[in-house]
């Protein structure tokens, strides 16, 4: 009959439909994978800087303080500051040091800057020193950031990422913003991944300082 459909045609149509569905599923999976990469963390690379990267490291910014018996010695780091001087952890021996990894192209780093500035100012006279580590950044952009925020403490210019790499195992090498607290014995006493909050940071710094 003229109205009857050829069974082969039905098979062909079903196959084509399945192929289209499979392609659609693959495309969706690829899109989701790319999206998860984008939000996984601040990737410190030149293309991200040029694009004005606003991605963030996976982390809630909560400060974790380690028990004294679980603390590992911090590596002996030093390097040139953004202003051309030299800064190091050794220069603050016997003090609590808050080490913050940041970059001018990282949105959460800009958001947490006022918190770091305020805690640094309030704890400076109590034997706490702050030191920034500017990670894979343009020096001019980083200096402009410092002038705007007026942090009140120096930052090592870590364009190659060597300082961050020295803390591998404690902080992922490309994880910014990240903040560490180094105790008076030079051990890593606290860690936060993501933008820190004022209360969490102040409480953790005070706890380590008063030990």
Protein backbone atom coordinates (compact mmCIF):
# COMPACT_ATOMS: atom_id res chain seq x y z
CA UNK A 1 0.00 0.00 0.00
CA UNK A 2 1.18 3.49 -0.79
CA UNK A 3 0.60 4.63 2.85
CA UNK A 4 2.77 1.85 4.34
CA UNK A 5 6.28 2.82 5.58
CA UNK A 6 9.30 0.78 4.62
CA UNK A 7 10.69 -1.01 7.75
CA UNK A 8 14.24 -0.12 6.60
CA UNK A 9 13.25 3.54 6.63
CA UNK A 10 12.09 3.19 10.25
CA UNK A 11 15.39 1.55 11.18
CA UNK A 12 17.36 4.29 9.44
CA UNK A 13 15.38 7.02 11.16
CA UNK A 14 15.85 5.39 14.56
CA UNK A 15 19.59 5.03 13.97
CA UNK A 16 19.90 8.67 12.92
CA UNK A 17 17.94 9.77 15.97
CA UNK A 18 20.18 7.72 18.27
CA UNK A 19 23.26 9.20 16.63
CA UNK A 20 21.93 12.71 17.16
CA UNK A 21 21.15 11.94 20.81
CA UNK A 22 24.64 10.49 21.37
CA UNK A 23 26.26 13.57 19.82
CA UNK A 24 24.14 15.82 22.00
CA UNK A 25 25.11 13.88 25.15
CA UNK A 26 28.81 14.07 24.23
CA UNK A 27 28.57 17.81 23.59
CA UNK A 28 26.82 18.36 26.93
CA UNK A 29 29.44 16.26 28.76
CA UNK A 30 32.28 18.23 27.19
CA UNK A 31 30.61 21.53 28.11
CA UNK A 32 30.18 20.42 31.72
CA UNK A 33 33.80 19.28 31.89
CA UNK A 34 35.06 22.62 30.61
CA UNK A 35 32.85 24.44 33.09
CA UNK A 36 34.20 22.38 35.99
CA UNK A 37 37.76 23.22 34.94
CA UNK A 38 36.94 26.92 34.81
CA UNK A 39 35.56 27.05 38.34
CA UNK A 40 38.10 24.67 39.90
CA UNK A 41 40.63 27.35 40.71
CA UNK A 42 42.58 30.45 39.79
CA UNK A 43 44.94 29.25 37.08
CA UNK A 44 48.01 31.43 37.22
CA UNK A 45 48.82 31.71 33.55
CA UNK A 46 49.36 34.59 31.15
CA UNK A 47 46.15 34.08 29.19
CA UNK A 48 44.13 34.21 32.40
CA UNK A 49 45.84 37.45 33.36
CA UNK A 50 45.12 39.01 29.98
CA UNK A 51 41.47 38.04 30.27
CA UNK A 52 41.08 39.64 33.69
CA UNK A 53 40.52 36.28 35.32
CA UNK A 54 37.86 36.17 38.05
CA UNK A 55 37.91 32.44 38.77
CA UNK A 56 38.50 31.14 42.27
CA UNK A 57 40.10 28.24 44.03
CA UNK A 58 37.74 25.62 45.41
CA UNK A 59 37.62 26.47 49.10
CA UNK A 60 35.39 28.29 51.56
CA UNK A 61 38.15 30.42 53.07
CA UNK A 62 37.75 28.80 56.49
CA UNK A 63 40.97 28.84 58.47
CA UNK A 64 42.09 25.43 59.74
CA UNK A 65 44.48 25.54 62.70
CA UNK A 66 46.70 22.48 63.12
CA UNK A 67 47.57 20.92 66.48
CA UNK A 68 51.16 21.65 67.55
CA UNK A 69 52.20 18.03 67.07
CA UNK A 70 50.93 17.98 63.48
CA UNK A 71 52.76 21.08 62.24
CA UNK A 72 55.45 20.84 59.58
CA UNK A 73 58.36 23.30 59.24
CA UNK A 74 57.75 25.98 56.64
CA UNK A 75 60.31 26.14 53.82
CA UNK A 76 62.93 28.89 54.01
CA UNK A 77 61.55 31.26 51.40
CA UNK A 78 62.77 34.64 50.26
CA UNK A 79 62.57 36.79 47.16
CA UNK A 80 62.38 40.28 45.70
CA UNK A 81 59.44 42.40 46.73
CA UNK A 82 57.28 44.29 44.28
CA UNK A 83 59.12 47.48 45.32
CA UNK A 84 62.56 45.96 44.66
CA UNK A 85 63.59 45.09 48.22
CA UNK A 86 64.06 41.59 49.63
CA UNK A 87 61.68 39.77 51.96
CA UNK A 88 61.91 36.41 53.71
CA UNK A 89 60.36 34.33 56.44
CA UNK A 90 63.71 34.27 58.24
CA UNK A 91 63.51 38.03 58.74
CA UNK A 92 60.50 37.44 61.01
CA UNK A 93 62.02 34.68 63.13
CA UNK A 94 60.25 34.37 66.46
CA UNK A 95 57.09 36.04 65.18
CA UNK A 96 53.82 34.70 63.88
CA UNK A 97 53.71 35.28 60.12
CA UNK A 98 50.60 35.36 57.94
CA UNK A 99 51.54 34.41 54.39
CA UNK A 100 48.98 35.27 51.72
CA UNK A 101 49.18 34.07 48.11
CA UNK A 102 47.42 36.44 45.71
CA UNK A 103 47.37 38.02 42.26
CA UNK A 104 45.87 41.23 40.93
CA UNK A 105 43.92 39.30 38.29
CA UNK A 106 42.16 37.09 40.88
CA UNK A 107 38.74 38.42 41.89
CA UNK A 108 38.52 36.74 45.32
CA UNK A 109 42.02 38.05 46.10
CA UNK A 110 40.74 41.58 45.57
CA UNK A 111 37.67 40.83 47.68
CA UNK A 112 39.68 39.58 50.67
CA UNK A 113 42.30 42.36 50.57
CA UNK A 114 40.46 44.65 53.04
CA UNK A 115 40.20 41.75 55.52
CA UNK A 116 43.94 41.07 55.37
CA UNK A 117 44.73 44.76 55.69
CA UNK A 118 42.56 45.17 58.77
CA UNK A 119 43.83 42.07 60.58
CA UNK A 120 47.43 43.01 59.75
CA UNK A 121 46.97 46.49 61.22
CA UNK A 122 45.28 45.19 64.39
CA UNK A 123 47.87 42.48 65.12
CA UNK A 124 51.07 44.26 64.07
CA UNK A 125 51.88 45.53 67.56
CA UNK A 126 51.23 42.07 69.00
CA UNK A 127 54.12 40.40 67.22
CA UNK A 128 52.39 39.31 64.01
CA UNK A 129 53.87 40.02 60.59
CA UNK A 130 52.07 39.78 57.24
CA UNK A 131 53.82 38.88 53.99
CA UNK A 132 52.18 38.61 50.58
CA UNK A 133 53.25 36.39 47.70
CA UNK A 134 52.20 37.83 44.35
CA UNK A 135 51.73 34.77 42.17
CA UNK A 136 52.32 34.79 38.37
CA UNK A 137 51.29 38.39 37.94
CA UNK A 138 52.38 41.44 35.98
CA UNK A 139 54.48 43.59 38.26
CA UNK A 140 52.86 46.82 37.11
CA UNK A 141 49.38 45.43 37.76
CA UNK A 142 50.42 44.13 41.18
CA UNK A 143 51.93 47.47 42.16
CA UNK A 144 48.74 49.24 41.10
CA UNK A 145 46.78 46.79 43.27
CA UNK A 146 49.02 47.55 46.27
CA UNK A 147 48.68 51.29 45.78
CA UNK A 148 44.90 50.97 45.66
CA UNK A 149 44.57 48.65 48.64
CA UNK A 150 47.44 50.14 50.70
CA UNK A 151 48.00 46.79 52.39
CA UNK A 152 50.70 48.06 54.74
CA UNK A 153 52.93 45.00 54.29
CA UNK A 154 55.28 43.82 51.50
CA UNK A 155 54.73 41.13 48.90
CA UNK A 156 57.29 38.87 47.29
CA UNK A 157 57.04 39.06 43.50
CA UNK A 158 56.71 35.35 42.67
CA UNK A 159 56.09 35.52 38.94
CA UNK A 160 57.61 32.06 38.25
CA UNK A 161 55.60 30.49 41.10
CA UNK A 162 58.69 29.15 42.95
CA UNK A 163 57.55 30.26 46.40
CA UNK A 164 54.14 28.68 45.91
CA UNK A 165 55.79 25.46 44.69
CA UNK A 166 57.91 25.32 47.86
CA UNK A 167 54.69 24.87 49.84
CA UNK A 168 53.46 21.98 47.70
CA UNK A 169 51.75 19.48 49.97
CA UNK A 170 50.46 22.25 52.21
CA UNK A 171 48.90 24.46 49.54
CA UNK A 172 48.26 23.40 45.92
CA UNK A 173 50.94 25.21 43.83
CA UNK A 174 48.39 27.22 41.84
CA UNK A 175 45.76 27.69 44.54
CA UNK A 176 44.99 31.34 45.08
CA UNK A 177 43.83 32.98 47.15
CA UNK A 178 45.43 30.94 49.94
CA UNK A 179 46.58 31.99 53.38
CA UNK A 180 49.00 30.29 55.77
CA UNK A 181 49.83 31.06 59.39
CA UNK A 182 53.42 30.32 60.39
CA UNK A 183 53.95 29.98 64.15
CA UNK A 184 56.82 31.35 66.26
CA UNK A 185 58.78 28.14 65.71
CA UNK A 186 58.56 28.50 61.93
CA UNK A 187 55.96 25.78 61.44
CA UNK A 188 52.80 25.87 59.34
CA UNK A 189 50.13 26.32 62.00
CA UNK A 190 47.10 27.25 59.91
CA UNK A 191 45.75 27.19 56.37
CA UNK A 192 42.83 28.61 54.43
CA UNK A 193 41.98 27.91 50.80
CA UNK A 194 39.81 30.57 49.22
CA UNK A 195 39.05 34.12 50.33
CA UNK A 196 39.44 34.43 54.10
CA UNK A 197 36.82 35.96 56.34
CA UNK A 198 37.66 38.52 59.02
CA UNK A 199 36.47 36.57 62.08
CA UNK A 200 38.09 33.30 60.99
CA UNK A 201 41.43 34.92 60.28
CA UNK A 202 41.51 37.11 63.37
CA UNK A 203 40.58 34.22 65.67
CA UNK A 204 43.17 31.89 64.14
CA UNK A 205 45.96 34.47 64.20
CA UNK A 206 45.17 35.37 67.81
CA UNK A 207 45.11 31.71 68.84
CA UNK A 208 48.50 30.96 67.30
CA UNK A 209 50.02 34.20 68.61
CA UNK A 210 48.90 33.51 72.18
CA UNK A 211 50.25 29.96 72.33
